[in-house]
């Protein structure tokens, strides 16, 4: 079984038609000029092209920690709306 820390992510800028997306994706897919399909709202969307790959990497554990921190922050904001 692979160690979770072995999975690295790179931040990339992608374009599809008139849309631009900046996302963290698995490093093995982060190559300028590469065409990708992204999972959006439980549907695969083709036609995304990597335009830029930014410096630095994150591990899967770091990505999970960021997601959890964002969830906590959003729950604080949501809680404030109810008061």
PDB file of N, CA and C in Angstrom:
ATOM      1  N   UNK A   1       0.846  -1.179   0.000  1.00  0.00           N
ATOM      2  CA  UNK A   1       0.000   0.000   0.000  1.00  0.00           C
ATOM      3  C   UNK A   1       0.889   1.239   0.000  1.00  0.00           C
ATOM      4  N   UNK A   2       0.530   2.243  -0.781  1.00  0.00           N
ATOM      5  CA  UNK A   2       1.313   3.461  -0.906  1.00  0.00           C
ATOM      6  C   UNK A   2       1.090   4.379   0.285  1.00  0.00           C
ATOM      7  N   UNK A   3       2.138   5.086   0.627  1.00  0.00           N
ATOM      8  CA  UNK A   3       2.067   6.089   1.674  1.00  0.00           C
ATOM      9  C   UNK A   3       1.378   7.334   1.116  1.00  0.00           C
ATOM     10  N   UNK A   4       0.438   7.909   1.863  1.00  0.00           N
ATOM     11  CA  UNK A   4      -0.295   9.090   1.397  1.00  0.00           C
ATOM     12  C   UNK A   4       0.647  10.240   1.063  1.00  0.00           C
ATOM     13  N   UNK A   5       1.772  10.342   1.757  1.00  0.00           N
ATOM     14  CA  UNK A   5       2.694  11.443   1.523  1.00  0.00           C
ATOM     15  C   UNK A   5       3.402  11.327   0.172  1.00  0.00           C
ATOM     16  N   UNK A   6       3.321  10.167  -0.467  1.00  0.00           N
ATOM     17  CA  UNK A   6       3.955   9.979  -1.773  1.00  0.00           C
ATOM     18  C   UNK A   6       3.190  10.704  -2.877  1.00  0.00           C
ATOM     19  N   UNK A   7       1.930  11.009  -2.656  1.00  0.00           N
ATOM     20  CA  UNK A   7       1.124  11.683  -3.670  1.00  0.00           C
ATOM     21  C   UNK A   7       1.387  13.179  -3.596  1.00  0.00           C
ATOM     22  N   UNK A   8       1.914  13.724  -4.694  1.00  0.00           N
ATOM     23  CA  UNK A   8       2.204  15.152  -4.733  1.00  0.00           C
ATOM     24  C   UNK A   8       1.262  15.852  -5.698  1.00  0.00           C
ATOM     25  N   UNK A   9       0.938  17.084  -5.373  1.00  0.00           N
ATOM     26  CA  UNK A   9       0.063  17.907  -6.191  1.00  0.00           C
ATOM     27  C   UNK A   9       0.784  19.179  -6.598  1.00  0.00           C
ATOM     28  N   UNK A  10       0.471  19.667  -7.794  1.00  0.00           N
ATOM     29  CA  UNK A  10       1.002  20.928  -8.302  1.00  0.00           C
ATOM     30  C   UNK A  10      -0.174  21.845  -8.591  1.00  0.00           C
ATOM     31  N   UNK A  11       0.061  23.139  -8.412  1.00  0.00           N
ATOM     32  CA  UNK A  11      -0.976  24.099  -8.765  1.00  0.00           C
ATOM     33  C   UNK A  11      -0.771  24.477 -10.230  1.00  0.00           C
ATOM     34  N   UNK A  12      -1.878  24.469 -10.983  1.00  0.00           N
ATOM     35  CA  UNK A  12      -1.807  24.746 -12.419  1.00  0.00           C
ATOM     36  C   UNK A  12      -2.895  25.729 -12.824  1.00  0.00           C
ATOM     37  N   UNK A  13      -2.641  26.398 -13.935  1.00  0.00           N
ATOM     38  CA  UNK A  13      -3.655  27.230 -14.580  1.00  0.00           C
ATOM     39  C   UNK A  13      -4.095  26.466 -15.816  1.00  0.00           C
ATOM     40  N   UNK A  14      -5.425  26.256 -15.944  1.00  0.00           N
ATOM     41  CA  UNK A  14      -5.977  25.542 -17.077  1.00  0.00           C
ATOM     42  C   UNK A  14      -7.011  26.413 -17.779  1.00  0.00           C
ATOM     43  N   UNK A  15      -7.174  26.163 -19.067  1.00  0.00           N
ATOM     44  CA  UNK A  15      -8.158  26.910 -19.848  1.00  0.00           C
ATOM     45  C   UNK A  15      -9.024  25.926 -20.633  1.00  0.00           C
ATOM     46  N   UNK A  16     -10.303  26.279 -20.725  1.00  0.00           N
ATOM     47  CA  UNK A  16     -11.263  25.543 -21.560  1.00  0.00           C
ATOM     48  C   UNK A  16     -12.188  26.589 -22.159  1.00  0.00           C
ATOM     49  N   UNK A  17     -12.110  26.752 -23.469  1.00  0.00           N
ATOM     50  CA  UNK A  17     -12.883  27.776 -24.167  1.00  0.00           C
ATOM     51  C   UNK A  17     -12.613  29.127 -23.501  1.00  0.00           C
ATOM     52  N   UNK A  18     -13.632  29.804 -22.959  1.00  0.00           N
ATOM     53  CA  UNK A  18     -13.436  31.109 -22.327  1.00  0.00           C
ATOM     54  C   UNK A  18     -13.272  31.037 -20.816  1.00  0.00           C
ATOM     55  N   UNK A  19     -13.115  29.834 -20.281  1.00  0.00           N
ATOM     56  CA  UNK A  19     -12.994  29.653 -18.830  1.00  0.00           C
ATOM     57  C   UNK A  19     -11.552  29.383 -18.439  1.00  0.00           C
ATOM     58  N   UNK A  20     -11.179  29.909 -17.277  1.00  0.00           N
ATOM     59  CA  UNK A  20      -9.859  29.655 -16.695  1.00  0.00           C
ATOM     60  C   UNK A  20     -10.082  29.065 -15.316  1.00  0.00           C
ATOM     61  N   UNK A  21      -9.278  28.069 -14.959  1.00  0.00           N
ATOM     62  CA  UNK A  21      -9.371  27.450 -13.644  1.00  0.00           C
ATOM     63  C   UNK A  21      -7.966  27.303 -13.092  1.00  0.00           C
ATOM     64  N   UNK A  22      -7.786  27.648 -11.836  1.00  0.00           N
ATOM     65  CA  UNK A  22      -6.516  27.412 -11.149  1.00  0.00           C
ATOM     66  C   UNK A  22      -6.802  26.390 -10.065  1.00  0.00           C
ATOM     67  N   UNK A  23      -6.133  25.254 -10.154  1.00  0.00           N
ATOM     68  CA  UNK A  23      -6.413  24.132  -9.255  1.00  0.00           C
ATOM     69  C   UNK A  23      -5.130  23.397  -8.896  1.00  0.00           C
ATOM     70  N   UNK A  24      -5.217  22.648  -7.803  1.00  0.00           N
ATOM     71  CA  UNK A  24      -4.164  21.702  -7.443  1.00  0.00           C
ATOM     72  C   UNK A  24      -4.555  20.358  -8.053  1.00  0.00           C
ATOM     73  N   UNK A  25      -3.656  19.783  -8.846  1.00  0.00           N
ATOM     74  CA  UNK A  25      -3.912  18.488  -9.474  1.00  0.00           C
ATOM     75  C   UNK A  25      -2.723  17.573  -9.216  1.00  0.00           C
ATOM     76  N   UNK A  26      -2.908  16.247  -9.364  1.00  0.00           N
ATOM     77  CA  UNK A  26      -1.768  15.343  -9.175  1.00  0.00           C
ATOM     78  C   UNK A  26      -0.596  15.758 -10.075  1.00  0.00           C
ATOM     79  N   UNK A  27       0.605  15.778  -9.487  1.00  0.00           N
ATOM     80  CA  UNK A  27       1.799  16.251 -10.186  1.00  0.00           C
ATOM     81  C   UNK A  27       2.038  15.522 -11.505  1.00  0.00           C
ATOM     82  N   UNK A  28       1.675  14.250 -11.580  1.00  0.00           N
ATOM     83  CA  UNK A  28       1.937  13.497 -12.812  1.00  0.00           C
ATOM     84  C   UNK A  28       1.136  14.023 -13.997  1.00  0.00           C
ATOM     85  N   UNK A  29       0.064  14.782 -13.746  1.00  0.00           N
ATOM     86  CA  UNK A  29      -0.739  15.361 -14.826  1.00  0.00           C
ATOM     87  C   UNK A  29      -0.394  16.823 -15.104  1.00  0.00           C
ATOM     88  N   UNK A  30       0.458  17.406 -14.290  1.00  0.00           N
ATOM     89  CA  UNK A  30       0.753  18.840 -14.371  1.00  0.00           C
ATOM     90  C   UNK A  30       1.875  19.113 -15.378  1.00  0.00           C
ATOM     91  N   UNK A  31       1.530  19.061 -16.649  1.00  0.00           N
ATOM     92  CA  UNK A  31       2.485  19.310 -17.739  1.00  0.00           C
ATOM     93  C   UNK A  31       1.878  20.339 -18.679  1.00  0.00           C
ATOM     94  N   UNK A  32       2.620  21.413 -18.957  1.00  0.00           N
ATOM     95  CA  UNK A  32       2.127  22.452 -19.867  1.00  0.00           C
ATOM     96  C   UNK A  32       1.773  21.818 -21.210  1.00  0.00           C
ATOM     97  N   UNK A  33       0.596  22.164 -21.716  1.00  0.00           N
ATOM     98  CA  UNK A  33       0.123  21.641 -22.991  1.00  0.00           C
ATOM     99  C   UNK A  33      -0.712  20.383 -22.877  1.00  0.00           C
ATOM    100  N   UNK A  34      -0.736  19.780 -21.700  1.00  0.00           N
ATOM    101  CA  UNK A  34      -1.501  18.540 -21.522  1.00  0.00           C
ATOM    102  C   UNK A  34      -2.998  18.828 -21.500  1.00  0.00           C
ATOM    103  N   UNK A  35      -3.770  18.008 -22.193  1.00  0.00           N
ATOM    104  CA  UNK A  35      -5.226  18.100 -22.193  1.00  0.00           C
ATOM    105  C   UNK A  35      -5.780  17.174 -21.128  1.00  0.00           C
ATOM    106  N   UNK A  36      -6.718  17.701 -20.342  1.00  0.00           N
ATOM    107  CA  UNK A  36      -7.272  16.954 -19.218  1.00  0.00           C
ATOM    108  C   UNK A  36      -8.793  16.952 -19.241  1.00  0.00           C
ATOM    109  N   UNK A  37      -9.348  15.977 -18.567  1.00  0.00           N
ATOM    110  CA  UNK A  37     -10.772  15.941 -18.261  1.00  0.00           C
ATOM    111  C   UNK A  37     -10.884  16.162 -16.757  1.00  0.00           C
ATOM    112  N   UNK A  38     -11.784  17.066 -16.349  1.00  0.00           N
ATOM    113  CA  UNK A  38     -11.972  17.351 -14.932  1.00  0.00           C
ATOM    114  C   UNK A  38     -13.343  16.894 -14.479  1.00  0.00           C
ATOM    115  N   UNK A  39     -13.401  16.381 -13.259  1.00  0.00           N
ATOM    116  CA  UNK A  39     -14.668  15.972 -12.667  1.00  0.00           C
ATOM    117  C   UNK A  39     -15.321  17.201 -12.047  1.00  0.00           C
ATOM    118  N   UNK A  40     -16.468  17.595 -12.608  1.00  0.00           N
ATOM    119  CA  UNK A  40     -17.195  18.777 -12.159  1.00  0.00           C
ATOM    120  C   UNK A  40     -18.643  18.394 -11.934  1.00  0.00           C
ATOM    121  N   UNK A  41     -19.125  18.601 -10.709  1.00  0.00           N
ATOM    122  CA  UNK A  41     -20.513  18.249 -10.374  1.00  0.00           C
ATOM    123  C   UNK A  41     -20.847  16.812 -10.780  1.00  0.00           C
ATOM    124  N   UNK A  42     -19.940  15.902 -10.450  1.00  0.00           N
ATOM    125  CA  UNK A  42     -20.110  14.466 -10.717  1.00  0.00           C
ATOM    126  C   UNK A  42     -20.169  14.130 -12.200  1.00  0.00           C
ATOM    127  N   UNK A  43     -19.626  15.001 -13.048  1.00  0.00           N
ATOM    128  CA  UNK A  43     -19.592  14.759 -14.488  1.00  0.00           C
ATOM    129  C   UNK A  43     -18.201  15.108 -15.014  1.00  0.00           C
ATOM    130  N   UNK A  44     -17.649  14.244 -15.878  1.00  0.00           N
ATOM    131  CA  UNK A  44     -16.350  14.506 -16.470  1.00  0.00           C
ATOM    132  C   UNK A  44     -16.500  15.511 -17.604  1.00  0.00           C
ATOM    133  N   UNK A  45     -15.684  16.554 -17.560  1.00  0.00           N
ATOM    134  CA  UNK A  45     -15.716  17.615 -18.571  1.00  0.00           C
ATOM    135  C   UNK A  45     -14.372  17.614 -19.292  1.00  0.00           C
ATOM    136  N   UNK A  46     -14.402  17.344 -20.596  1.00  0.00           N
ATOM    137  CA  UNK A  46     -13.189  17.309 -21.423  1.00  0.00           C
ATOM    138  C   UNK A  46     -12.797  18.712 -21.875  1.00  0.00           C
ATOM    139  N   UNK A  47     -11.589  18.810 -22.389  1.00  0.00           N
ATOM    140  CA  UNK A  47     -11.176  20.028 -23.066  1.00  0.00           C
ATOM    141  C   UNK A  47     -10.382  21.022 -22.243  1.00  0.00           C
ATOM    142  N   UNK A  48      -9.962  20.663 -21.038  1.00  0.00           N
ATOM    143  CA  UNK A  48      -9.139  21.557 -20.236  1.00  0.00           C
ATOM    144  C   UNK A  48      -7.679  21.384 -20.639  1.00  0.00           C
ATOM    145  N   UNK A  49      -6.987  22.483 -20.892  1.00  0.00           N
ATOM    146  CA  UNK A  49      -5.583  22.433 -21.293  1.00  0.00           C
ATOM    147  C   UNK A  49      -4.738  23.164 -20.259  1.00  0.00           C
ATOM    148  N   UNK A  50      -3.679  22.504 -19.792  1.00  0.00           N
ATOM    149  CA  UNK A  50      -2.776  23.106 -18.809  1.00  0.00           C
ATOM    150  C   UNK A  50      -1.944  24.175 -19.509  1.00  0.00           C
ATOM    151  N   UNK A  51      -2.047  25.414 -19.001  1.00  0.00           N
ATOM    152  CA  UNK A  51      -1.293  26.531 -19.575  1.00  0.00           C
ATOM    153  C   UNK A  51      -0.056  26.882 -18.755  1.00  0.00           C
ATOM    154  N   UNK A  52      -0.153  26.741 -17.438  1.00  0.00           N
ATOM    155  CA  UNK A  52       0.972  27.065 -16.563  1.00  0.00           C
ATOM    156  C   UNK A  52       1.023  26.067 -15.418  1.00  0.00           C
ATOM    157  N   UNK A  53       2.237  25.761 -14.981  1.00  0.00           N
ATOM    158  CA  UNK A  53       2.451  24.938 -13.798  1.00  0.00           C
ATOM    159  C   UNK A  53       3.279  25.790 -12.837  1.00  0.00           C
ATOM    160  N   UNK A  54       2.758  25.994 -11.643  1.00  0.00           N
ATOM    161  CA  UNK A  54       3.413  26.869 -10.676  1.00  0.00           C
ATOM    162  C   UNK A  54       4.413  26.098  -9.823  1.00  0.00           C
ATOM    163  N   UNK A  55       5.326  26.849  -9.208  1.00  0.00           N
ATOM    164  CA  UNK A  55       6.366  26.266  -8.356  1.00  0.00           C
ATOM    165  C   UNK A  55       5.758  25.659  -7.094  1.00  0.00           C
ATOM    166  N   UNK A  56       6.459  24.716  -6.526  1.00  0.00           N
ATOM    167  CA  UNK A  56       6.055  24.118  -5.265  1.00  0.00           C
ATOM    168  C   UNK A  56       5.110  22.942  -5.452  1.00  0.00           C
ATOM    169  N   UNK A  57       5.080  22.107  -4.436  1.00  0.00           N
ATOM    170  CA  UNK A  57       4.190  20.946  -4.428  1.00  0.00           C
ATOM    171  C   UNK A  57       3.531  20.846  -3.062  1.00  0.00           C
ATOM    172  N   UNK A  58       2.461  20.085  -3.017  1.00  0.00           N
ATOM    173  CA  UNK A  58       1.791  19.757  -1.758  1.00  0.00           C
ATOM    174  C   UNK A  58       1.547  18.263  -1.726  1.00  0.00           C
ATOM    175  N   UNK A  59       1.601  17.717  -0.523  1.00  0.00           N
ATOM    176  CA  UNK A  59       1.289  16.297  -0.354  1.00  0.00           C
ATOM    177  C   UNK A  59      -0.216  16.134  -0.171  1.00  0.00           C
ATOM    178  N   UNK A  60      -0.681  14.907  -0.249  1.00  0.00           N
ATOM    179  CA  UNK A  60      -2.090  14.615  -0.027  1.00  0.00           C
ATOM    180  C   UNK A  60      -2.491  15.021   1.391  1.00  0.00           C
ATOM    181  N   UNK A  61      -1.618  14.799   2.363  1.00  0.00           N
ATOM    182  CA  UNK A  61      -1.920  15.200   3.737  1.00  0.00           C
ATOM    183  C   UNK A  61      -2.071  16.721   3.845  1.00  0.00           C
ATOM    184  N   UNK A  62      -1.237  17.470   3.143  1.00  0.00           N
ATOM    185  CA  UNK A  62      -1.353  18.935   3.147  1.00  0.00           C
ATOM    186  C   UNK A  62      -2.654  19.385   2.482  1.00  0.00           C
ATOM    187  N   UNK A  63      -3.036  18.715   1.406  1.00  0.00           N
ATOM    188  CA  UNK A  63      -4.283  19.051   0.716  1.00  0.00           C
ATOM    189  C   UNK A  63      -5.479  18.778   1.631  1.00  0.00           C
ATOM    190  N   UNK A  64      -5.439  17.646   2.336  1.00  0.00           N
ATOM    191  CA  UNK A  64      -6.518  17.313   3.270  1.00  0.00           C
ATOM    192  C   UNK A  64      -6.599  18.341   4.393  1.00  0.00           C
ATOM    193  N   UNK A  65      -5.454  18.763   4.917  1.00  0.00           N
ATOM    194  CA  UNK A  65      -5.433  19.754   6.001  1.00  0.00           C
ATOM    195  C   UNK A  65      -6.020  21.083   5.523  1.00  0.00           C
ATOM    196  N   UNK A  66      -5.690  21.475   4.290  1.00  0.00           N
ATOM    197  CA  UNK A  66      -6.238  22.720   3.743  1.00  0.00           C
ATOM    198  C   UNK A  66      -7.755  22.611   3.588  1.00  0.00           C
ATOM    199  N   UNK A  67      -8.228  21.493   3.068  1.00  0.00           N
ATOM    200  CA  UNK A  67      -9.671  21.288   2.903  1.00  0.00           C
ATOM    201  C   UNK A  67     -10.387  21.355   4.246  1.00  0.00           C
ATOM    202  N   UNK A  68      -9.810  20.700   5.265  1.00  0.00           N
ATOM    203  CA  UNK A  68     -10.435  20.701   6.589  1.00  0.00           C
ATOM    204  C   UNK A  68     -10.458  22.109   7.180  1.00  0.00           C
ATOM    205  N   UNK A  69      -9.392  22.878   6.986  1.00  0.00           N
ATOM    206  CA  UNK A  69      -9.348  24.255   7.489  1.00  0.00           C
ATOM    207  C   UNK A  69     -10.398  25.111   6.788  1.00  0.00           C
ATOM    208  N   UNK A  70     -10.573  24.916   5.487  1.00  0.00           N
ATOM    209  CA  UNK A  70     -11.590  25.675   4.751  1.00  0.00           C
ATOM    210  C   UNK A  70     -12.994  25.317   5.248  1.00  0.00           C
ATOM    211  N   UNK A  71     -13.234  24.042   5.517  1.00  0.00           N
ATOM    212  CA  UNK A  71     -14.540  23.617   6.037  1.00  0.00           C
ATOM    213  C   UNK A  71     -14.818  24.274   7.391  1.00  0.00           C
ATOM    214  N   UNK A  72     -13.780  24.311   8.267  1.00  0.00           N
ATOM    215  CA  UNK A  72     -13.962  24.942   9.576  1.00  0.00           C
ATOM    216  C   UNK A  72     -14.272  26.427   9.410  1.00  0.00           C
ATOM    217  N   UNK A  73     -13.538  27.104   8.521  1.00  0.00           N
ATOM    218  CA  UNK A  73     -13.743  28.527   8.290  1.00  0.00           C
ATOM    219  C   UNK A  73     -15.150  28.784   7.743  1.00  0.00           C
ATOM    220  N   UNK A  74     -15.577  27.972   6.783  1.00  0.00           N
ATOM    221  CA  UNK A  74     -16.911  28.152   6.210  1.00  0.00           C
ATOM    222  C   UNK A  74     -17.997  27.890   7.246  1.00  0.00           C
ATOM    223  N   UNK A  75     -17.781  26.929   8.148  1.00  0.00           N
ATOM    224  CA  UNK A  75     -18.790  26.662   9.174  1.00  0.00           C
ATOM    225  C   UNK A  75     -18.869  27.824  10.156  1.00  0.00           C
ATOM    226  N   UNK A  76     -17.741  28.486  10.432  1.00  0.00           N
ATOM    227  CA  UNK A  76     -17.752  29.665  11.292  1.00  0.00           C
ATOM    228  C   UNK A  76     -18.532  30.781  10.610  1.00  0.00           C
ATOM    229  N   UNK A  77     -18.293  30.981   9.330  1.00  0.00           N
ATOM    230  CA  UNK A  77     -19.013  32.018   8.598  1.00  0.00           C
ATOM    231  C   UNK A  77     -20.508  31.709   8.550  1.00  0.00           C
ATOM    232  N   UNK A  78     -20.862  30.448   8.303  1.00  0.00           N
ATOM    233  CA  UNK A  78     -22.253  30.034   8.248  1.00  0.00           C
ATOM    234  C   UNK A  78     -22.925  30.235   9.604  1.00  0.00           C
ATOM    235  N   UNK A  79     -22.235  29.883  10.664  1.00  0.00           N
ATOM    236  CA  UNK A  79     -22.771  30.030  12.012  1.00  0.00           C
ATOM    237  C   UNK A  79     -23.051  31.505  12.311  1.00  0.00           C
ATOM    238  N   UNK A  80     -22.166  32.391  11.860  1.00  0.00           N
ATOM    239  CA  UNK A  80     -22.344  33.821  12.075  1.00  0.00           C
ATOM    240  C   UNK A  80     -23.576  34.361  11.366  1.00  0.00           C
ATOM    241  N   UNK A  81     -23.956  33.780  10.224  1.00  0.00           N
ATOM    242  CA  UNK A  81     -25.134  34.217   9.486  1.00  0.00           C
ATOM    243  C   UNK A  81     -26.417  33.879  10.229  1.00  0.00           C
ATOM    244  N   UNK A  82     -26.389  32.817  11.034  1.00  0.00           N
ATOM    245  CA  UNK A  82     -27.596  32.366  11.738  1.00  0.00           C
ATOM    246  C   UNK A  82     -27.891  33.192  12.979  1.00  0.00           C
ATOM    247  N   UNK A  83     -26.920  33.937  13.470  1.00  0.00           N
ATOM    248  CA  UNK A  83     -27.128  34.710  14.706  1.00  0.00           C
ATOM    249  C   UNK A  83     -27.811  36.021  14.449  1.00  0.00           C
TER     250      UNK A  83
END
